[in-house]
């Protein structure tokens, strides 16, 4: 589910300020899923077949409790990663207003 949300962020980050922040700044998984449900409409393709939008909505809504304790961004942080694994830092900074 985290990978699905990260892919959605990657797709929407060029047009959405919240998703743009979620590329670099860790956000709550449940809040991100609720944002995607409220603001974005994505089509998922599985084995060359597009899933209906209702299926995606049900999938996200069904996993909200699981995502409640999840914090991650696309770039470098995921609280589910192993503690031995240090976070990656790209040393690339950008303005969230104008990039």
C-alpha atoms as a PDB file:
ATOM      1  CA  UNK A   1       0.000   0.000   0.000  1.00  0.00           C
ATOM      2  CA  UNK A   2       2.868   2.373   0.801  1.00  0.00           C
ATOM      3  CA  UNK A   3       4.371   1.805  -2.630  1.00  0.00           C
ATOM      4  CA  UNK A   4       1.004   2.519  -4.254  1.00  0.00           C
ATOM      5  CA  UNK A   5       0.742   5.808  -2.369  1.00  0.00           C
ATOM      6  CA  UNK A   6       4.322   6.732  -3.233  1.00  0.00           C
ATOM      7  CA  UNK A   7       3.605   6.125  -6.916  1.00  0.00           C
ATOM      8  CA  UNK A   8       0.484   8.298  -6.687  1.00  0.00           C
ATOM      9  CA  UNK A   9       2.516  11.082  -5.055  1.00  0.00           C
ATOM     10  CA  UNK A  10       5.103  10.859  -7.808  1.00  0.00           C
ATOM     11  CA  UNK A  11       2.396  11.247 -10.443  1.00  0.00           C
ATOM     12  CA  UNK A  12       0.644  14.181  -8.755  1.00  0.00           C
ATOM     13  CA  UNK A  13       3.601  16.128  -7.352  1.00  0.00           C
ATOM     14  CA  UNK A  14       3.914  18.420 -10.340  1.00  0.00           C
ATOM     15  CA  UNK A  15       0.358  19.743  -9.986  1.00  0.00           C
ATOM     16  CA  UNK A  16      -0.386  19.465  -6.246  1.00  0.00           C
ATOM     17  CA  UNK A  17       1.382  21.335  -3.441  1.00  0.00           C
ATOM     18  CA  UNK A  18       0.538  18.697  -0.793  1.00  0.00           C
ATOM     19  CA  UNK A  19       1.884  15.877  -2.964  1.00  0.00           C
ATOM     20  CA  UNK A  20       4.945  17.965  -3.809  1.00  0.00           C
ATOM     21  CA  UNK A  21       5.694  18.300  -0.096  1.00  0.00           C
ATOM     22  CA  UNK A  22       5.164  14.558   0.401  1.00  0.00           C
ATOM     23  CA  UNK A  23       8.038  13.832  -1.982  1.00  0.00           C
ATOM     24  CA  UNK A  24      10.550  15.312   0.488  1.00  0.00           C
ATOM     25  CA  UNK A  25       8.699  15.659   3.819  1.00  0.00           C
ATOM     26  CA  UNK A  26       7.346  12.636   5.706  1.00  0.00           C
ATOM     27  CA  UNK A  27       3.553  12.666   5.924  1.00  0.00           C
ATOM     28  CA  UNK A  28       1.036  10.457   7.683  1.00  0.00           C
ATOM     29  CA  UNK A  29      -0.126   7.587   5.446  1.00  0.00           C
ATOM     30  CA  UNK A  30      -3.776   7.872   6.469  1.00  0.00           C
ATOM     31  CA  UNK A  31      -3.860  11.616   5.804  1.00  0.00           C
ATOM     32  CA  UNK A  32      -2.163  11.078   2.456  1.00  0.00           C
ATOM     33  CA  UNK A  33      -4.701   8.414   1.467  1.00  0.00           C
ATOM     34  CA  UNK A  34      -7.567  10.712   2.483  1.00  0.00           C
ATOM     35  CA  UNK A  35      -5.998  13.520   0.447  1.00  0.00           C
ATOM     36  CA  UNK A  36      -5.705  11.277  -2.611  1.00  0.00           C
ATOM     37  CA  UNK A  37      -9.336  10.171  -2.220  1.00  0.00           C
ATOM     38  CA  UNK A  38     -10.573  13.748  -1.884  1.00  0.00           C
ATOM     39  CA  UNK A  39      -8.417  15.532  -4.455  1.00  0.00           C
ATOM     40  CA  UNK A  40      -7.135  13.091  -7.074  1.00  0.00           C
ATOM     41  CA  UNK A  41      -8.594  10.448  -9.328  1.00  0.00           C
ATOM     42  CA  UNK A  42      -6.154   7.741 -10.352  1.00  0.00           C
ATOM     43  CA  UNK A  43      -6.593   4.773 -12.630  1.00  0.00           C
ATOM     44  CA  UNK A  44      -4.624   1.680 -11.702  1.00  0.00           C
ATOM     45  CA  UNK A  45      -3.522  -0.788 -14.315  1.00  0.00           C
ATOM     46  CA  UNK A  46      -3.066  -4.378 -13.181  1.00  0.00           C
ATOM     47  CA  UNK A  47      -1.967  -7.024 -15.683  1.00  0.00           C
ATOM     48  CA  UNK A  48      -2.817  -4.750 -18.636  1.00  0.00           C
ATOM     49  CA  UNK A  49      -6.340  -4.160 -17.283  1.00  0.00           C
ATOM     50  CA  UNK A  50      -7.549  -0.913 -15.723  1.00  0.00           C
ATOM     51  CA  UNK A  51      -9.224  -1.292 -12.353  1.00  0.00           C
ATOM     52  CA  UNK A  52     -12.468   0.618 -11.784  1.00  0.00           C
ATOM     53  CA  UNK A  53     -12.189   3.758  -9.657  1.00  0.00           C
ATOM     54  CA  UNK A  54     -14.547   2.254  -7.062  1.00  0.00           C
ATOM     55  CA  UNK A  55     -12.072  -0.601  -6.501  1.00  0.00           C
ATOM     56  CA  UNK A  56      -9.260   1.860  -5.782  1.00  0.00           C
ATOM     57  CA  UNK A  57     -11.452   3.877  -3.408  1.00  0.00           C
ATOM     58  CA  UNK A  58     -12.490   0.723  -1.527  1.00  0.00           C
ATOM     59  CA  UNK A  59      -8.878  -0.449  -1.353  1.00  0.00           C
ATOM     60  CA  UNK A  60      -7.695   2.852   0.156  1.00  0.00           C
ATOM     61  CA  UNK A  61     -10.630   3.109   2.566  1.00  0.00           C
ATOM     62  CA  UNK A  62     -10.061  -0.465   3.716  1.00  0.00           C
ATOM     63  CA  UNK A  63      -6.427   0.232   4.577  1.00  0.00           C
ATOM     64  CA  UNK A  64      -6.880   3.534   6.464  1.00  0.00           C
ATOM     65  CA  UNK A  65      -6.394   1.972   9.904  1.00  0.00           C
ATOM     66  CA  UNK A  66      -3.236   0.236   8.695  1.00  0.00           C
ATOM     67  CA  UNK A  67      -1.886   3.541   7.369  1.00  0.00           C
ATOM     68  CA  UNK A  68      -2.667   5.461  10.571  1.00  0.00           C
ATOM     69  CA  UNK A  69       0.765   4.717  12.087  1.00  0.00           C
ATOM     70  CA  UNK A  70       2.665   5.041   8.801  1.00  0.00           C
ATOM     71  CA  UNK A  71       4.903   8.028   8.111  1.00  0.00           C
ATOM     72  CA  UNK A  72       6.903   8.248   4.898  1.00  0.00           C
ATOM     73  CA  UNK A  73       7.934  10.337   1.919  1.00  0.00           C
ATOM     74  CA  UNK A  74       8.914   9.311  -1.591  1.00  0.00           C
ATOM     75  CA  UNK A  75      12.475  10.419  -1.305  1.00  0.00           C
ATOM     76  CA  UNK A  76      14.219   9.152   1.796  1.00  0.00           C
ATOM     77  CA  UNK A  77      12.097   8.151   4.786  1.00  0.00           C
ATOM     78  CA  UNK A  78       9.758   5.345   5.738  1.00  0.00           C
ATOM     79  CA  UNK A  79       9.140   4.475   9.399  1.00  0.00           C
ATOM     80  CA  UNK A  80       8.638   0.825   8.399  1.00  0.00           C
ATOM     81  CA  UNK A  81      12.233   0.507   7.177  1.00  0.00           C
ATOM     82  CA  UNK A  82      14.699  -1.445   9.267  1.00  0.00           C
ATOM     83  CA  UNK A  83      16.455   0.518  12.049  1.00  0.00           C
ATOM     84  CA  UNK A  84      19.862  -0.643  10.765  1.00  0.00           C
ATOM     85  CA  UNK A  85      19.230   1.166   7.527  1.00  0.00           C
ATOM     86  CA  UNK A  86      20.110   4.880   7.818  1.00  0.00           C
ATOM     87  CA  UNK A  87      17.876   7.319   5.938  1.00  0.00           C
ATOM     88  CA  UNK A  88      19.089   8.403   2.518  1.00  0.00           C
ATOM     89  CA  UNK A  89      19.764  12.092   1.975  1.00  0.00           C
ATOM     90  CA  UNK A  90      20.178  13.384  -1.540  1.00  0.00           C
ATOM     91  CA  UNK A  91      21.499  16.822  -0.487  1.00  0.00           C
ATOM     92  CA  UNK A  92      19.229  18.326  -3.095  1.00  0.00           C
ATOM     93  CA  UNK A  93      17.110  21.202  -1.886  1.00  0.00           C
ATOM     94  CA  UNK A  94      14.294  22.951  -3.644  1.00  0.00           C
ATOM     95  CA  UNK A  95      11.796  25.655  -2.852  1.00  0.00           C
ATOM     96  CA  UNK A  96       8.317  24.211  -2.348  1.00  0.00           C
ATOM     97  CA  UNK A  97       6.772  27.336  -3.884  1.00  0.00           C
ATOM     98  CA  UNK A  98       8.694  27.685  -7.144  1.00  0.00           C
ATOM     99  CA  UNK A  99      10.942  24.573  -7.201  1.00  0.00           C
END
